[in-house]
Amino acid sequence: MQWREDDWFVINNLHGPSTIQAAPNLPEVKWEEKDFDDFLDDSLDLQWQFVRNPDHSGWSLTEKPGSLRLWTGDADLGEIKAKNTIVRREKHHQYSAVLKLCFAPSENGEQAGLTCYYSTNNYLICCLIYEDRLKVKVIENRNGVQKTLGEKNVKEGPIYVKAVINKQTRNFYYSYEEKHWHHVGGTEDATFLSDEGSRDEKGHTGTMVGMFANNGGSNRGIPADFDWFRYTAF
């Protein structure tokens, strides 16, 4: 396979598939994945992925320097048309994911936060959401059936959100200063976040963890600023 200057690739010099190929003598390149990202660069690091083709007008690393900004979109995670869910691959059976979020929703349904994501039919979210007042809420979508696993009223201002994964058990917390953590909700059976446990017709590409924002039907695009994201295996 060769990459052309127009960014498209050519296989076997356009001669079709072959069982024998001459491999180029390329130097070894080592890449270390970041476990902590404070979004100071002008491009996303390689560990980050979009769930679908991104809408580049819906996210920015320059609108608020030092933060990943997502504008709330019209579709929630359970819809194919949802854009700009930014995630990284889970690589451990036991880990924690923590983020710092600055978000000021004021109309019902507006939400942003952390997701453990397998597909549109299978995910968990822990979000800062406005429902007549500010709340942190944990929502499960298990094979297309949504269920609230817990919620807490919270005050305005920056907030820290954490997921703690211990094999099939997943618990979610929030904090105002990243010291005293308050449990919101969780599940002891997260098998639905896997090829074996989901009822999706086709297997996905594994469970991801990351960030999302949507407007819950308010039709507003307001900013959710993620100051940093940390992934810690244990």
Protein backbone atom coordinates (compact mmCIF):
# COMPACT_ATOMS: atom_id res chain seq x y z
CA MET A 1 0.00 0.00 0.00
CA GLN A 2 1.30 3.42 -0.93
CA TRP A 3 -0.09 6.80 0.04
CA ARG A 4 -0.30 9.36 -2.75
CA GLU A 5 0.17 13.09 -2.36
CA ASP A 6 -3.60 13.60 -2.61
CA ASP A 7 -4.00 11.49 0.58
CA TRP A 8 -5.52 8.50 -1.20
CA PHE A 9 -3.78 5.13 -1.18
CA VAL A 10 -2.86 2.72 -3.96
CA ILE A 11 -2.65 -1.05 -3.44
CA ASN A 12 -0.12 -3.18 -5.36
CA ASN A 13 0.50 -0.42 -7.92
CA LEU A 14 -3.08 -0.88 -9.20
CA HIS A 15 -2.36 -4.48 -10.27
CA GLY A 16 -4.96 -5.98 -7.96
CA PRO A 17 -4.58 -8.21 -4.89
CA SER A 18 -1.52 -10.41 -4.53
CA THR A 19 -0.48 -13.04 -2.00
CA ILE A 20 3.13 -11.83 -2.15
CA GLN A 21 4.18 -8.25 -1.51
CA ALA A 22 7.56 -6.63 -1.08
CA ALA A 23 7.49 -4.85 2.27
CA PRO A 24 9.22 -1.46 2.41
CA ASN A 25 12.14 -1.11 4.78
CA LEU A 26 10.57 1.42 7.13
CA PRO A 27 12.15 2.60 10.38
CA GLU A 28 10.53 1.59 13.64
CA VAL A 29 8.37 4.33 15.16
CA LYS A 30 7.44 4.14 18.83
CA TRP A 31 4.41 6.06 20.04
CA GLU A 32 3.41 6.41 23.67
CA GLU A 33 -0.25 6.97 24.31
CA LYS A 34 -1.05 9.82 26.68
CA ASP A 35 -2.93 8.95 29.84
CA PHE A 36 -3.45 12.65 30.61
CA ASP A 37 -4.53 15.24 28.07
CA ASP A 38 -4.87 18.91 28.96
CA PHE A 39 -5.77 19.87 25.37
CA LEU A 40 -2.96 22.38 24.94
CA ASP A 41 -2.09 21.28 21.40
CA ASP A 42 -3.77 22.63 18.28
CA SER A 43 -4.87 19.13 17.21
CA LEU A 44 -6.31 16.11 18.98
CA ASP A 45 -3.87 13.42 20.05
CA LEU A 46 -3.93 10.13 18.18
CA GLN A 47 -5.70 8.19 20.94
CA TRP A 48 -8.89 10.21 20.42
CA GLN A 49 -11.54 9.01 18.00
CA PHE A 50 -14.88 10.33 16.79
CA VAL A 51 -17.74 7.87 16.99
CA ARG A 52 -18.79 9.02 13.49
CA ASN A 53 -17.56 11.43 10.87
CA PRO A 54 -17.14 14.66 12.83
CA ASP A 55 -18.88 17.95 12.27
CA HIS A 56 -15.85 20.21 12.60
CA SER A 57 -18.05 23.21 13.35
CA GLY A 58 -19.16 21.46 16.55
CA TRP A 59 -15.84 21.23 18.35
CA SER A 60 -12.71 23.31 18.84
CA LEU A 61 -9.33 23.36 20.57
CA THR A 62 -8.80 27.05 19.86
CA GLU A 63 -12.12 28.65 20.86
CA LYS A 64 -11.05 28.35 24.49
CA PRO A 65 -7.29 27.63 24.50
CA GLY A 66 -6.37 24.84 26.90
CA SER A 67 -9.78 23.20 26.66
CA LEU A 68 -11.61 20.91 24.28
CA ARG A 69 -14.85 22.72 23.50
CA LEU A 70 -17.90 20.78 22.34
CA TRP A 71 -21.06 22.60 21.37
CA THR A 72 -24.28 20.84 22.33
CA GLY A 73 -25.70 19.06 19.29
CA ASP A 74 -29.31 18.27 18.42
CA ALA A 75 -29.00 14.47 18.64
CA ASP A 76 -28.35 12.37 21.73
CA LEU A 77 -26.02 9.37 21.93
CA GLY A 78 -28.83 6.99 21.04
CA GLU A 79 -29.14 8.45 17.54
CA ILE A 80 -26.99 7.68 14.51
CA LYS A 81 -26.89 11.38 13.60
CA ALA A 82 -25.17 12.30 16.88
CA LYS A 83 -21.84 13.97 16.12
CA ASN A 84 -18.67 14.84 18.00
CA THR A 85 -18.71 12.18 20.66
CA ILE A 86 -14.95 12.07 21.28
CA VAL A 87 -13.67 8.86 22.86
CA ARG A 88 -10.60 6.72 23.38
CA ARG A 89 -10.37 2.95 23.52
CA GLU A 90 -10.67 1.05 26.78
CA LYS A 91 -7.55 -1.09 27.21
CA HIS A 92 -7.91 -2.40 30.75
CA HIS A 93 -10.43 -4.32 32.84
CA GLN A 94 -9.77 -2.00 35.77
CA TYR A 95 -9.27 1.72 35.31
CA SER A 96 -10.62 5.16 36.15
CA ALA A 97 -11.45 8.05 33.84
CA VAL A 98 -11.69 11.59 35.21
CA LEU A 99 -12.46 14.88 33.50
CA LYS A 100 -12.90 18.51 34.47
CA LEU A 101 -15.93 20.18 32.91
CA CYS A 102 -17.04 23.81 32.67
CA PHE A 103 -20.64 23.89 31.44
CA ALA A 104 -23.61 26.16 32.15
CA PRO A 105 -26.83 24.61 30.83
CA SER A 106 -30.02 26.53 31.53
CA GLU A 107 -32.73 24.80 29.49
CA ASN A 108 -34.15 21.36 30.17
CA GLY A 109 -32.25 18.49 28.62
CA GLU A 110 -28.96 20.29 27.95
CA GLN A 111 -26.18 17.98 29.06
CA ALA A 112 -22.47 17.20 28.78
CA GLY A 113 -20.14 14.80 30.48
CA LEU A 114 -18.45 11.41 30.39
CA THR A 115 -19.56 8.32 28.50
CA CYS A 116 -18.61 4.66 28.46
CA TYR A 117 -19.72 3.96 24.91
CA TYR A 118 -20.22 0.79 22.88
CA SER A 119 -22.91 1.76 20.36
CA THR A 120 -26.07 3.85 19.94
CA ASN A 121 -27.95 1.08 21.77
CA ASN A 122 -25.44 0.47 24.54
CA TYR A 123 -23.73 3.08 26.67
CA LEU A 124 -23.48 4.67 30.09
CA ILE A 125 -23.24 8.41 30.71
CA CYS A 126 -22.51 10.55 33.74
CA CYS A 127 -23.49 14.09 32.82
CA LEU A 128 -24.10 17.55 34.14
CA ILE A 129 -27.66 18.21 33.02
CA TYR A 130 -30.33 20.86 33.47
CA GLU A 131 -33.75 19.52 34.49
CA ASP A 132 -35.48 22.46 36.17
CA ARG A 133 -32.20 22.79 38.05
CA LEU A 134 -28.61 21.58 37.76
CA LYS A 135 -28.03 17.87 38.34
CA VAL A 136 -25.40 15.23 37.85
CA LYS A 137 -27.12 12.19 36.41
CA VAL A 138 -26.11 8.63 35.48
CA ILE A 139 -28.08 7.12 32.61
CA GLU A 140 -27.83 3.60 31.23
CA ASN A 141 -28.85 2.64 27.70
CA ARG A 142 -28.93 -1.16 27.72
CA ASN A 143 -29.85 -2.62 24.35
CA GLY A 144 -31.97 0.42 23.54
CA VAL A 145 -33.74 0.69 26.91
CA GLN A 146 -32.79 3.81 28.87
CA LYS A 147 -32.79 3.89 32.66
CA THR A 148 -31.65 6.43 35.25
CA LEU A 149 -29.20 4.83 37.68
CA GLY A 150 -28.84 7.84 39.97
CA GLU A 151 -28.91 11.63 40.18
CA LYS A 152 -27.77 14.38 42.53
CA ASN A 153 -28.54 18.10 42.65
CA VAL A 154 -25.39 20.19 42.26
CA LYS A 155 -24.32 23.83 42.31
CA GLU A 156 -23.00 25.98 39.49
CA GLY A 157 -19.35 26.12 38.53
CA PRO A 158 -16.65 23.74 37.28
CA ILE A 159 -17.19 20.10 38.17
CA TYR A 160 -15.13 16.93 38.09
CA VAL A 161 -16.69 13.70 36.82
CA LYS A 162 -15.18 10.25 37.37
CA ALA A 163 -15.89 6.71 36.22
CA VAL A 164 -14.35 3.79 38.12
CA ILE A 165 -14.34 0.50 36.24
CA ASN A 166 -13.67 -2.81 38.00
CA LYS A 167 -14.34 -5.54 35.46
CA GLN A 168 -18.14 -5.59 35.02
CA THR A 169 -18.79 -3.06 37.78
CA ARG A 170 -18.92 0.63 36.81
CA ASN A 171 -19.52 3.47 39.26
CA PHE A 172 -19.72 7.21 38.64
CA TYR A 173 -18.86 10.13 40.91
CA TYR A 174 -18.65 13.92 40.94
CA SER A 175 -16.58 16.42 42.90
CA TYR A 176 -16.18 20.18 43.18
CA GLU A 177 -12.45 20.15 43.99
CA GLU A 178 -11.25 16.64 42.93
CA LYS A 179 -10.81 15.59 46.56
CA HIS A 180 -14.19 14.69 48.05
CA TRP A 181 -16.07 12.42 45.67
CA HIS A 182 -19.84 11.87 45.76
CA HIS A 183 -21.28 8.66 44.33
CA VAL A 184 -24.08 9.21 41.82
CA GLY A 185 -24.88 5.74 40.47
CA GLY A 186 -23.57 2.70 38.68
CA THR A 187 -24.09 -0.90 37.69
CA GLU A 188 -22.59 -4.25 38.64
CA ASP A 189 -23.36 -5.75 35.23
CA ALA A 190 -21.88 -3.88 32.28
CA THR A 191 -21.82 -6.89 29.96
CA PHE A 192 -24.00 -4.93 27.51
CA LEU A 193 -20.92 -2.84 26.68
CA SER A 194 -19.38 -5.74 24.73
CA ASP A 195 -19.81 -7.84 21.60
CA GLU A 196 -20.95 -10.75 23.75
CA GLY A 197 -23.45 -8.83 25.85
CA SER A 198 -25.06 -6.48 23.35
CA ARG A 199 -27.89 -7.34 20.99
CA ASP A 200 -26.50 -5.27 18.13
CA GLU A 201 -26.70 -7.10 14.82
CA LYS A 202 -23.01 -6.54 14.15
CA GLY A 203 -20.12 -6.42 16.57
CA HIS A 204 -18.72 -2.95 17.21
CA THR A 205 -15.07 -2.08 17.76
CA GLY A 206 -14.96 -2.44 21.53
CA THR A 207 -15.91 -0.18 24.40
CA MET A 208 -14.73 3.43 24.39
CA VAL A 209 -14.61 6.10 27.07
CA GLY A 210 -14.71 9.84 26.52
CA MET A 211 -16.73 13.05 26.27
CA PHE A 212 -20.01 14.18 24.75
CA ALA A 213 -22.48 17.09 24.71
CA ASN A 214 -26.04 17.47 23.43
CA ASN A 215 -28.90 19.90 23.90
CA GLY A 216 -31.70 17.48 24.81
CA GLY A 217 -34.15 19.17 22.46
CA SER A 218 -33.51 22.81 23.39
CA ASN A 219 -32.12 23.38 19.87
CA ARG A 220 -29.31 25.46 21.34
CA GLY A 221 -25.62 25.06 20.66
CA ILE A 222 -23.94 26.09 23.89
CA PRO A 223 -20.30 25.37 24.78
CA ALA A 224 -19.15 22.57 27.07
CA ASP A 225 -15.46 23.03 27.89
CA PHE A 226 -13.44 19.98 28.91
CA ASP A 227 -10.33 21.29 30.66
CA TRP A 228 -8.57 17.91 30.83
CA PHE A 229 -9.12 14.15 30.71
CA ARG A 230 -7.17 11.49 32.62
CA TYR A 231 -7.18 7.70 32.08
CA THR A 232 -5.55 5.61 34.83
CA ALA A 233 -5.19 1.82 34.77
CA PHE A 234 -4.93 -0.02 38.10
